[in-house]
PDB file of all heavy atoms in Angstrom:
ATOM      1  N   ALA A   1       7.805  -5.896  34.568  1.00  0.00           N
ATOM      2  CA  ALA A   1       7.649  -6.905  35.623  1.00  0.00           C
ATOM      3  C   ALA A   1       7.002  -8.136  35.002  1.00  0.00           C
ATOM      4  O   ALA A   1       5.941  -8.055  34.382  1.00  0.00           O
ATOM      5  CB  ALA A   1       6.776  -6.374  36.755  1.00  0.00           C
ATOM      6  N   ASN A   2       7.665  -9.259  35.151  1.00  0.00           N
ATOM      7  CA  ASN A   2       7.130 -10.524  34.650  1.00  0.00           C
ATOM      8  C   ASN A   2       7.586 -11.634  35.607  1.00  0.00           C
ATOM      9  O   ASN A   2       8.274 -11.392  36.592  1.00  0.00           O
ATOM     10  CB  ASN A   2       7.614 -10.787  33.221  1.00  0.00           C
ATOM     11  CG  ASN A   2       6.838 -11.899  32.547  1.00  0.00           C
ATOM     12  OD1 ASN A   2       5.605 -11.914  32.558  1.00  0.00           O
ATOM     13  ND2 ASN A   2       7.529 -12.864  31.965  1.00  0.00           N
ATOM     14  N   LYS A   3       7.180 -12.847  35.321  1.00  0.00           N
ATOM     15  CA  LYS A   3       7.466 -13.989  36.189  1.00  0.00           C
ATOM     16  C   LYS A   3       8.948 -14.052  36.548  1.00  0.00           C
ATOM     17  O   LYS A   3       9.817 -13.805  35.710  1.00  0.00           O
ATOM     18  CB  LYS A   3       7.020 -15.282  35.502  1.00  0.00           C
ATOM     19  CG  LYS A   3       7.218 -16.545  36.314  1.00  0.00           C
ATOM     20  CD  LYS A   3       6.535 -16.466  37.684  1.00  0.00           C
ATOM     21  CE  LYS A   3       5.051 -16.203  37.577  1.00  0.00           C
ATOM     22  NZ  LYS A   3       4.418 -16.087  38.921  1.00  0.00           N
ATOM     23  N   ILE A   4       9.210 -14.394  37.800  1.00  0.00           N
ATOM     24  CA  ILE A   4      10.583 -14.471  38.283  1.00  0.00           C
ATOM     25  C   ILE A   4      11.425 -15.342  37.338  1.00  0.00           C
ATOM     26  O   ILE A   4      10.997 -16.413  36.910  1.00  0.00           O
ATOM     27  CB  ILE A   4      10.614 -15.035  39.735  1.00  0.00           C
ATOM     28  CG1 ILE A   4      12.000 -14.906  40.334  1.00  0.00           C
ATOM     29  CG2 ILE A   4      10.096 -16.458  39.786  1.00  0.00           C
ATOM     30  CD1 ILE A   4      12.378 -13.508  40.697  1.00  0.00           C
ATOM     31  N   GLY A   5      12.603 -14.856  37.005  1.00  0.00           N
ATOM     32  CA  GLY A   5      13.467 -15.539  36.048  1.00  0.00           C
ATOM     33  C   GLY A   5      13.547 -14.826  34.712  1.00  0.00           C
ATOM     34  O   GLY A   5      14.488 -15.042  33.944  1.00  0.00           O
ATOM     35  N   THR A   6      12.581 -13.945  34.447  1.00  0.00           N
ATOM     36  CA  THR A   6      12.586 -13.218  33.172  1.00  0.00           C
ATOM     37  C   THR A   6      13.801 -12.305  33.062  1.00  0.00           C
ATOM     38  O   THR A   6      14.419 -12.193  31.996  1.00  0.00           O
ATOM     39  CB  THR A   6      11.294 -12.401  33.015  1.00  0.00           C
ATOM     40  OG1 THR A   6      10.161 -13.261  33.113  1.00  0.00           O
ATOM     41  CG2 THR A   6      11.259 -11.683  31.679  1.00  0.00           C
ATOM     42  N   TYR A   7      14.143 -11.645  34.154  1.00  0.00           N
ATOM     43  CA  TYR A   7      15.302 -10.743  34.157  1.00  0.00           C
ATOM     44  C   TYR A   7      16.567 -11.503  33.756  1.00  0.00           C
ATOM     45  O   TYR A   7      17.357 -11.042  32.910  1.00  0.00           O
ATOM     46  CB  TYR A   7      15.437 -10.119  35.550  1.00  0.00           C
ATOM     47  CG  TYR A   7      16.587  -9.164  35.753  1.00  0.00           C
ATOM     48  CD1 TYR A   7      17.221  -8.519  34.688  1.00  0.00           C
ATOM     49  CD2 TYR A   7      17.045  -8.878  37.040  1.00  0.00           C
ATOM     50  CE1 TYR A   7      18.262  -7.637  34.898  1.00  0.00           C
ATOM     51  CE2 TYR A   7      18.088  -7.994  37.258  1.00  0.00           C
ATOM     52  CZ  TYR A   7      18.695  -7.380  36.193  1.00  0.00           C
ATOM     53  OH  TYR A   7      19.730  -6.502  36.413  1.00  0.00           O
ATOM     54  N   GLY A   8      16.759 -12.688  34.328  1.00  0.00           N
ATOM     55  CA  GLY A   8      17.926 -13.487  33.968  1.00  0.00           C
ATOM     56  C   GLY A   8      17.936 -13.867  32.502  1.00  0.00           C
ATOM     57  O   GLY A   8      18.980 -13.825  31.834  1.00  0.00           O
ATOM     58  N   VAL A   9      16.782 -14.248  31.978  1.00  0.00           N
ATOM     59  CA  VAL A   9      16.678 -14.584  30.557  1.00  0.00           C
ATOM     60  C   VAL A   9      17.030 -13.369  29.705  1.00  0.00           C
ATOM     61  O   VAL A   9      17.711 -13.480  28.675  1.00  0.00           O
ATOM     62  CB  VAL A   9      15.256 -15.088  30.229  1.00  0.00           C
ATOM     63  CG1 VAL A   9      15.051 -15.201  28.715  1.00  0.00           C
ATOM     64  CG2 VAL A   9      14.995 -16.434  30.886  1.00  0.00           C
ATOM     65  N   ALA A  10      16.583 -12.181  30.130  1.00  0.00           N
ATOM     66  CA  ALA A  10      16.854 -10.960  29.371  1.00  0.00           C
ATOM     67  C   ALA A  10      18.349 -10.651  29.328  1.00  0.00           C
ATOM     68  O   ALA A  10      18.884 -10.250  28.282  1.00  0.00           O
ATOM     69  CB  ALA A  10      16.084  -9.790  29.984  1.00  0.00           C
ATOM     70  N   VAL A  11      19.026 -10.828  30.444  1.00  0.00           N
ATOM     71  CA  VAL A  11      20.469 -10.594  30.483  1.00  0.00           C
ATOM     72  C   VAL A  11      21.191 -11.581  29.563  1.00  0.00           C
ATOM     73  O   VAL A  11      22.112 -11.205  28.823  1.00  0.00           O
ATOM     74  CB  VAL A  11      20.992 -10.710  31.931  1.00  0.00           C
ATOM     75  CG1 VAL A  11      22.515 -10.671  31.967  1.00  0.00           C
ATOM     76  CG2 VAL A  11      20.412  -9.592  32.797  1.00  0.00           C
ATOM     77  N   LEU A  12      20.769 -12.837  29.598  1.00  0.00           N
ATOM     78  CA  LEU A  12      21.367 -13.848  28.723  1.00  0.00           C
ATOM     79  C   LEU A  12      21.118 -13.526  27.246  1.00  0.00           C
ATOM     80  O   LEU A  12      22.008 -13.684  26.405  1.00  0.00           O
ATOM     81  CB  LEU A  12      20.794 -15.223  29.057  1.00  0.00           C
ATOM     82  CG  LEU A  12      21.183 -15.812  30.406  1.00  0.00           C
ATOM     83  CD1 LEU A  12      20.396 -17.095  30.653  1.00  0.00           C
ATOM     84  CD2 LEU A  12      22.684 -16.087  30.459  1.00  0.00           C
ATOM     85  N   ALA A  13      19.900 -13.095  26.944  1.00  0.00           N
ATOM     86  CA  ALA A  13      19.578 -12.752  25.556  1.00  0.00           C
ATOM     87  C   ALA A  13      20.455 -11.606  25.071  1.00  0.00           C
ATOM     88  O   ALA A  13      20.969 -11.624  23.941  1.00  0.00           O
ATOM     89  CB  ALA A  13      18.097 -12.389  25.447  1.00  0.00           C
ATOM     90  N   ASP A  14      20.643 -10.611  25.920  1.00  0.00           N
ATOM     91  CA  ASP A  14      21.494  -9.476  25.549  1.00  0.00           C
ATOM     92  C   ASP A  14      22.929  -9.932  25.319  1.00  0.00           C
ATOM     93  O   ASP A  14      23.586  -9.506  24.355  1.00  0.00           O
ATOM     94  CB  ASP A  14      21.442  -8.428  26.667  1.00  0.00           C
ATOM     95  CG  ASP A  14      22.286  -7.214  26.367  1.00  0.00           C
ATOM     96  OD1 ASP A  14      21.930  -6.447  25.459  1.00  0.00           O
ATOM     97  OD2 ASP A  14      23.329  -7.038  27.038  1.00  0.00           O
ATOM     98  N   ALA A  15      23.422 -10.841  26.162  1.00  0.00           N
ATOM     99  CA  ALA A  15      24.795 -11.334  26.034  1.00  0.00           C
ATOM    100  C   ALA A  15      25.006 -12.131  24.757  1.00  0.00           C
ATOM    101  O   ALA A  15      26.130 -12.217  24.252  1.00  0.00           O
ATOM    102  CB  ALA A  15      25.151 -12.189  27.255  1.00  0.00           C
ATOM    103  N   HIS A  16      23.936 -12.723  24.238  1.00  0.00           N
ATOM    104  CA  HIS A  16      24.041 -13.553  23.038  1.00  0.00           C
ATOM    105  C   HIS A  16      23.431 -12.884  21.800  1.00  0.00           C
ATOM    106  O   HIS A  16      23.211 -13.543  20.775  1.00  0.00           O
ATOM    107  CB  HIS A  16      23.361 -14.908  23.281  1.00  0.00           C
ATOM    108  CG  HIS A  16      24.081 -15.753  24.284  1.00  0.00           C
ATOM    109  ND1 HIS A  16      23.870 -15.656  25.631  1.00  0.00           N
ATOM    110  CD2 HIS A  16      25.047 -16.716  24.126  1.00  0.00           C
ATOM    111  CE1 HIS A  16      24.643 -16.519  26.270  1.00  0.00           C
ATOM    112  NE2 HIS A  16      25.366 -17.163  25.384  1.00  0.00           N
ATOM    113  N   ASP A  17      23.162 -11.582  21.891  1.00  0.00           N
ATOM    114  CA  ASP A  17      22.605 -10.811  20.763  1.00  0.00           C
ATOM    115  C   ASP A  17      21.294 -11.406  20.260  1.00  0.00           C
ATOM    116  O   ASP A  17      21.038 -11.475  19.048  1.00  0.00           O
ATOM    117  CB  ASP A  17      23.609 -10.720  19.613  1.00  0.00           C
ATOM    118  CG  ASP A  17      24.839  -9.904  19.989  1.00  0.00           C
ATOM    119  OD1 ASP A  17      24.672  -8.871  20.671  1.00  0.00           O
ATOM    120  OD2 ASP A  17      25.957 -10.305  19.631  1.00  0.00           O
ATOM    121  N   VAL A  18      20.468 -11.860  21.182  1.00  0.00           N
ATOM    122  CA  VAL A  18      19.145 -12.398  20.858  1.00  0.00           C
ATOM    123  C   VAL A  18      18.096 -11.356  21.251  1.00  0.00           C
ATOM    124  O   VAL A  18      18.065 -10.934  22.413  1.00  0.00           O
ATOM    125  CB  VAL A  18      18.885 -13.719  21.616  1.00  0.00           C
ATOM    126  CG1 VAL A  18      17.449 -14.190  21.410  1.00  0.00           C
ATOM    127  CG2 VAL A  18      19.874 -14.784  21.166  1.00  0.00           C
ATOM    128  N   PRO A  19      17.249 -10.903  20.338  1.00  0.00           N
ATOM    129  CA  PRO A  19      16.249  -9.898  20.700  1.00  0.00           C
ATOM    130  C   PRO A  19      15.209 -10.458  21.665  1.00  0.00           C
ATOM    131  O   PRO A  19      14.834 -11.626  21.568  1.00  0.00           O
ATOM    132  CB  PRO A  19      15.613  -9.531  19.361  1.00  0.00           C
ATOM    133  CG  PRO A  19      15.861 -10.707  18.480  1.00  0.00           C
ATOM    134  CD  PRO A  19      17.173 -11.284  18.917  1.00  0.00           C
ATOM    135  N   LEU A  20      14.793  -9.624  22.604  1.00  0.00           N
ATOM    136  CA  LEU A  20      13.749  -9.998  23.551  1.00  0.00           C
ATOM    137  C   LEU A  20      12.542  -9.090  23.340  1.00  0.00           C
ATOM    138  O   LEU A  20      12.657  -7.866  23.414  1.00  0.00           O
ATOM    139  CB  LEU A  20      14.251  -9.886  24.994  1.00  0.00           C
ATOM    140  CG  LEU A  20      13.234 -10.277  26.073  1.00  0.00           C
ATOM    141  CD1 LEU A  20      13.908 -11.032  27.215  1.00  0.00           C
ATOM    142  CD2 LEU A  20      12.502  -9.052  26.638  1.00  0.00           C
ATOM    143  N   TYR A  21      11.410  -9.719  23.047  1.00  0.00           N
ATOM    144  CA  TYR A  21      10.166  -8.993  22.842  1.00  0.00           C
ATOM    145  C   TYR A  21       9.211  -9.258  24.003  1.00  0.00           C
ATOM    146  O   TYR A  21       9.102 -10.390  24.491  1.00  0.00           O
ATOM    147  CB  TYR A  21       9.485  -9.433  21.540  1.00  0.00           C
ATOM    148  CG  TYR A  21      10.361  -9.286  20.317  1.00  0.00           C
ATOM    149  CD1 TYR A  21      10.615 -10.390  19.482  1.00  0.00           C
ATOM    150  CD2 TYR A  21      10.938  -8.072  19.977  1.00  0.00           C
ATOM    151  CE1 TYR A  21      11.411 -10.272  18.354  1.00  0.00           C
ATOM    152  CE2 TYR A  21      11.738  -7.946  18.848  1.00  0.00           C
ATOM    153  CZ  TYR A  21      11.969  -9.045  18.040  1.00  0.00           C
ATOM    154  OH  TYR A  21      12.762  -8.926  16.918  1.00  0.00           O
ATOM    155  N   VAL A  22       8.520  -8.233  24.425  1.00  0.00           N
ATOM    156  CA  VAL A  22       7.490  -8.350  25.454  1.00  0.00           C
ATOM    157  C   VAL A  22       6.140  -8.151  24.785  1.00  0.00           C
ATOM    158  O   VAL A  22       5.936  -7.186  24.052  1.00  0.00           O
ATOM    159  CB  VAL A  22       7.689  -7.295  26.560  1.00  0.00           C
ATOM    160  CG1 VAL A  22       6.508  -7.297  27.525  1.00  0.00           C
ATOM    161  CG2 VAL A  22       8.992  -7.550  27.304  1.00  0.00           C
ATOM    162  N   ALA A  23       5.224  -9.093  25.008  1.00  0.00           N
ATOM    163  CA  ALA A  23       3.884  -9.001  24.432  1.00  0.00           C
ATOM    164  C   ALA A  23       2.880  -8.838  25.565  1.00  0.00           C
ATOM    165  O   ALA A  23       2.813  -9.686  26.461  1.00  0.00           O
ATOM    166  CB  ALA A  23       3.560 -10.253  23.603  1.00  0.00           C
ATOM    167  N   ALA A  24       2.116  -7.755  25.528  1.00  0.00           N
ATOM    168  CA  ALA A  24       1.182  -7.484  26.620  1.00  0.00           C
ATOM    169  C   ALA A  24       0.088  -6.542  26.147  1.00  0.00           C
ATOM    170  O   ALA A  24       0.319  -5.700  25.269  1.00  0.00           O
ATOM    171  CB  ALA A  24       1.918  -6.851  27.799  1.00  0.00           C
ATOM    172  N   PRO A  25      -1.101  -6.657  26.716  1.00  0.00           N
ATOM    173  CA  PRO A  25      -2.155  -5.697  26.385  1.00  0.00           C
ATOM    174  C   PRO A  25      -1.785  -4.312  26.901  1.00  0.00           C
ATOM    175  O   PRO A  25      -1.033  -4.189  27.882  1.00  0.00           O
ATOM    176  CB  PRO A  25      -3.386  -6.250  27.121  1.00  0.00           C
ATOM    177  CG  PRO A  25      -2.826  -7.047  28.245  1.00  0.00           C
ATOM    178  CD  PRO A  25      -1.544  -7.644  27.722  1.00  0.00           C
ATOM    179  N   TYR A  26      -2.321  -3.291  26.269  1.00  0.00           N
ATOM    180  CA  TYR A  26      -2.001  -1.933  26.715  1.00  0.00           C
ATOM    181  C   TYR A  26      -2.445  -1.708  28.156  1.00  0.00           C
ATOM    182  O   TYR A  26      -1.876  -0.877  28.862  1.00  0.00           O
ATOM    183  CB  TYR A  26      -2.627  -0.888  25.794  1.00  0.00           C
ATOM    184  CG  TYR A  26      -2.069   0.488  26.046  1.00  0.00           C
ATOM    185  CD1 TYR A  26      -0.812   0.837  25.556  1.00  0.00           C
ATOM    186  CD2 TYR A  26      -2.753   1.412  26.828  1.00  0.00           C
ATOM    187  CE1 TYR A  26      -0.258   2.079  25.820  1.00  0.00           C
ATOM    188  CE2 TYR A  26      -2.214   2.658  27.096  1.00  0.00           C
ATOM    189  CZ  TYR A  26      -0.964   2.990  26.595  1.00  0.00           C
ATOM    190  OH  TYR A  26      -0.414   4.213  26.883  1.00  0.00           O
ATOM    191  N   SER A  27      -3.422  -2.453  28.622  1.00  0.00           N
ATOM    192  CA  SER A  27      -3.880  -2.328  30.004  1.00  0.00           C
ATOM    193  C   SER A  27      -2.812  -2.747  31.004  1.00  0.00           C
ATOM    194  O   SER A  27      -2.920  -2.435  32.198  1.00  0.00           O
ATOM    195  CB  SER A  27      -5.155  -3.148  30.218  1.00  0.00           C
ATOM    196  OG  SER A  27      -4.948  -4.503  29.878  1.00  0.00           O
ATOM    197  N   SER A  28      -1.765  -3.448  30.551  1.00  0.00           N
ATOM    198  CA  SER A  28      -0.664  -3.835  31.437  1.00  0.00           C
ATOM    199  C   SER A  28       0.379  -2.734  31.569  1.00  0.00           C
ATOM    200  O   SER A  28       1.310  -2.855  32.361  1.00  0.00           O
ATOM    201  CB  SER A  28       0.021  -5.112  30.922  1.00  0.00           C
ATOM    202  OG  SER A  28      -0.837  -6.220  31.018  1.00  0.00           O
ATOM    203  N   ILE A  29       0.240  -1.674  30.783  1.00  0.00           N
ATOM    204  CA  ILE A  29       1.188  -0.569  30.828  1.00  0.00           C
ATOM    205  C   ILE A  29       0.690   0.462  31.838  1.00  0.00           C
ATOM    206  O   ILE A  29      -0.423   0.964  31.730  1.00  0.00           O
ATOM    207  CB  ILE A  29       1.363   0.052  29.432  1.00  0.00           C
ATOM    208  CG1 ILE A  29       1.983  -0.995  28.501  1.00  0.00           C
ATOM    209  CG2 ILE A  29       2.231   1.299  29.506  1.00  0.00           C
ATOM    210  CD1 ILE A  29       1.961  -0.617  27.049  1.00  0.00           C
ATOM    211  N   ASP A  30       1.511   0.727  32.827  1.00  0.00           N
ATOM    212  CA  ASP A  30       1.141   1.618  33.922  1.00  0.00           C
ATOM    213  C   ASP A  30       1.965   2.895  33.829  1.00  0.00           C
ATOM    214  O   ASP A  30       3.063   2.981  34.377  1.00  0.00           O
ATOM    215  CB  ASP A  30       1.377   0.901  35.264  1.00  0.00           C
ATOM    216  CG  ASP A  30       0.810   1.665  36.443  1.00  0.00           C
ATOM    217  OD1 ASP A  30       0.381   2.823  36.248  1.00  0.00           O
ATOM    218  OD2 ASP A  30       0.792   1.110  37.559  1.00  0.00           O
ATOM    219  N   LEU A  31       1.422   3.886  33.135  1.00  0.00           N
ATOM    220  CA  LEU A  31       2.148   5.134  32.940  1.00  0.00           C
ATOM    221  C   LEU A  31       2.244   5.949  34.220  1.00  0.00           C
ATOM    222  O   LEU A  31       2.988   6.931  34.276  1.00  0.00           O
ATOM    223  CB  LEU A  31       1.472   5.962  31.838  1.00  0.00           C
ATOM    224  CG  LEU A  31       1.465   5.341  30.434  1.00  0.00           C
ATOM    225  CD1 LEU A  31       0.761   6.263  29.438  1.00  0.00           C
ATOM    226  CD2 LEU A  31       2.882   5.030  29.962  1.00  0.00           C
ATOM    227  N   SER A  32       1.504   5.545  35.256  1.00  0.00           N
ATOM    228  CA  SER A  32       1.584   6.262  36.530  1.00  0.00           C
ATOM    229  C   SER A  32       2.840   5.895  37.306  1.00  0.00           C
ATOM    230  O   SER A  32       3.194   6.568  38.275  1.00  0.00           O
ATOM    231  CB  SER A  32       0.348   5.962  37.384  1.00  0.00           C
ATOM    232  OG  SER A  32       0.383   4.627  37.883  1.00  0.00           O
ATOM    233  N   ILE A  33       3.517   4.826  36.913  1.00  0.00           N
ATOM    234  CA  ILE A  33       4.756   4.398  37.561  1.00  0.00           C
ATOM    235  C   ILE A  33       5.926   4.734  36.653  1.00  0.00           C
ATOM    236  O   ILE A  33       6.004   4.271  35.511  1.00  0.00           O
ATOM    237  CB  ILE A  33       4.720   2.896  37.881  1.00  0.00           C
ATOM    238  CG1 ILE A  33       3.683   2.619  38.968  1.00  0.00           C
ATOM    239  CG2 ILE A  33       6.087   2.399  38.328  1.00  0.00           C
ATOM    240  CD1 ILE A  33       3.615   1.182  39.412  1.00  0.00           C
ATOM    241  N   GLU A  34       6.828   5.554  37.155  1.00  0.00           N
ATOM    242  CA  GLU A  34       7.923   6.062  36.331  1.00  0.00           C
ATOM    243  C   GLU A  34       8.873   4.965  35.887  1.00  0.00           C
ATOM    244  O   GLU A  34       9.329   4.939  34.738  1.00  0.00           O
ATOM    245  CB  GLU A  34       8.682   7.139  37.108  1.00  0.00           C
ATOM    246  CG  GLU A  34       9.809   7.783  36.321  1.00  0.00           C
ATOM    247  CD  GLU A  34      10.511   8.880  37.099  1.00  0.00           C
ATOM    248  OE1 GLU A  34       9.950   9.351  38.114  1.00  0.00           O
ATOM    249  OE2 GLU A  34      11.630   9.266  36.705  1.00  0.00           O
ATOM    250  N   SER A  35       9.215   4.055  36.808  1.00  0.00           N
ATOM    251  CA  SER A  35      10.170   3.000  36.480  1.00  0.00           C
ATOM    252  C   SER A  35       9.803   1.732  37.231  1.00  0.00           C
ATOM    253  O   SER A  35       8.922   1.725  38.099  1.00  0.00           O
ATOM    254  CB  SER A  35      11.595   3.431  36.853  1.00  0.00           C
ATOM    255  OG  SER A  35      11.763   3.403  38.263  1.00  0.00           O
ATOM    256  N   GLY A  36      10.528   0.673  36.944  1.00  0.00           N
ATOM    257  CA  GLY A  36      10.258  -0.604  37.590  1.00  0.00           C
ATOM    258  C   GLY A  36      10.469  -0.584  39.088  1.00  0.00           C
ATOM    259  O   GLY A  36       9.935  -1.440  39.805  1.00  0.00           O
ATOM    260  N   ALA A  37      11.226   0.377  39.584  1.00  0.00           N
ATOM    261  CA  ALA A  37      11.458   0.477  41.025  1.00  0.00           C
ATOM    262  C   ALA A  37      10.155   0.709  41.786  1.00  0.00           C
ATOM    263  O   ALA A  37      10.063   0.400  42.980  1.00  0.00           O
ATOM    264  CB  ALA A  37      12.449   1.597  41.325  1.00  0.00           C
ATOM    265  N   GLY A  38       9.142   1.226  41.109  1.00  0.00           N
ATOM    266  CA  GLY A  38       7.867   1.514  41.761  1.00  0.00           C
ATOM    267  C   GLY A  38       6.848   0.397  41.640  1.00  0.00           C
ATOM    268  O   GLY A  38       5.718   0.533  42.124  1.00  0.00           O
ATOM    269  N   ILE A  39       7.214  -0.708  41.000  1.00  0.00           N
ATOM    270  CA  ILE A  39       6.272  -1.822  40.824  1.00  0.00           C
ATOM    271  C   ILE A  39       6.304  -2.720  42.059  1.00  0.00           C
ATOM    272  O   ILE A  39       7.375  -3.222  42.422  1.00  0.00           O
ATOM    273  CB  ILE A  39       6.619  -2.636  39.561  1.00  0.00           C
ATOM    274  CG1 ILE A  39       6.518  -1.759  38.308  1.00  0.00           C
ATOM    275  CG2 ILE A  39       5.692  -3.851  39.441  1.00  0.00           C
ATOM    276  CD1 ILE A  39       6.927  -2.466  37.022  1.00  0.00           C
ATOM    277  N   PRO A  40       5.162  -2.944  42.703  1.00  0.00           N
ATOM    278  CA  PRO A  40       5.160  -3.846  43.865  1.00  0.00           C
ATOM    279  C   PRO A  40       5.388  -5.286  43.418  1.00  0.00           C
ATOM    280  O   PRO A  40       4.819  -5.741  42.428  1.00  0.00           O
ATOM    281  CB  PRO A  40       3.750  -3.657  44.458  1.00  0.00           C
ATOM    282  CG  PRO A  40       2.918  -3.208  43.299  1.00  0.00           C
ATOM    283  CD  PRO A  40       3.818  -2.391  42.422  1.00  0.00           C
ATOM    284  N   ILE A  41       6.220  -6.003  44.152  1.00  0.00           N
ATOM    285  CA  ILE A  41       6.555  -7.387  43.809  1.00  0.00           C
ATOM    286  C   ILE A  41       5.944  -8.322  44.846  1.00  0.00           C
ATOM    287  O   ILE A  41       6.246  -8.223  46.038  1.00  0.00           O
ATOM    288  CB  ILE A  41       8.079  -7.603  43.733  1.00  0.00           C
ATOM    289  CG1 ILE A  41       8.700  -6.687  42.662  1.00  0.00           C
ATOM    290  CG2 ILE A  41       8.402  -9.061  43.450  1.00  0.00           C
ATOM    291  CD1 ILE A  41       8.190  -6.943  41.246  1.00  0.00           C
ATOM    292  N   GLU A  42       5.106  -9.219  44.388  1.00  0.00           N
ATOM    293  CA  GLU A  42       4.459 -10.189  45.256  1.00  0.00           C
ATOM    294  C   GLU A  42       5.471 -11.219  45.748  1.00  0.00           C
ATOM    295  O   GLU A  42       6.270 -11.737  44.970  1.00  0.00           O
ATOM    296  CB  GLU A  42       3.343 -10.887  44.474  1.00  0.00           C
ATOM    297  CG  GLU A  42       2.665 -12.030  45.206  1.00  0.00           C
ATOM    298  CD  GLU A  42       1.685 -12.775  44.312  1.00  0.00           C
ATOM    299  OE1 GLU A  42       1.592 -12.454  43.104  1.00  0.00           O
ATOM    300  OE2 GLU A  42       1.004 -13.682  44.829  1.00  0.00           O
ATOM    301  N   GLU A  43       5.421 -11.510  47.039  1.00  0.00           N
ATOM    302  CA  GLU A  43       6.209 -12.604  47.587  1.00  0.00           C
ATOM    303  C   GLU A  43       5.252 -13.699  48.036  1.00  0.00           C
ATOM    304  O   GLU A  43       4.302 -13.438  48.762  1.00  0.00           O
ATOM    305  CB  GLU A  43       7.068 -12.148  48.767  1.00  0.00           C
ATOM    306  CG  GLU A  43       7.997 -13.246  49.263  1.00  0.00           C
ATOM    307  CD  GLU A  43       8.986 -12.780  50.319  1.00  0.00           C
ATOM    308  OE1 GLU A  43       9.093 -11.554  50.525  1.00  0.00           O
ATOM    309  OE2 GLU A  43       9.629 -13.647  50.931  1.00  0.00           O
ATOM    310  N   ARG A  44       5.493 -14.920  47.594  1.00  0.00           N
ATOM    311  CA  ARG A  44       4.586 -16.020  47.845  1.00  0.00           C
ATOM    312  C   ARG A  44       5.143 -16.971  48.903  1.00  0.00           C
ATOM    313  O   ARG A  44       6.269 -16.827  49.359  1.00  0.00           O
ATOM    314  CB  ARG A  44       4.277 -16.756  46.543  1.00  0.00           C
ATOM    315  CG  ARG A  44       3.525 -15.862  45.536  1.00  0.00           C
ATOM    316  CD  ARG A  44       3.153 -16.597  44.271  1.00  0.00           C
ATOM    317  NE  ARG A  44       2.264 -17.726  44.531  1.00  0.00           N
ATOM    318  CZ  ARG A  44       0.951 -17.611  44.711  1.00  0.00           C
ATOM    319  NH1 ARG A  44       0.370 -16.428  44.675  1.00  0.00           N
ATOM    320  NH2 ARG A  44       0.208 -18.684  44.919  1.00  0.00           N
TER     321      ARG A  44
END
């Protein structure tokens, strides 16, 4: 889960064979959530 628009960038990177790296502290990794479907998404 990252700022809105990241998913689109990732799809574009995959289509153009550009590697996408995610940089985050280990505290951002939530092993209690199996997949992204369980991540709450803020609506502003």
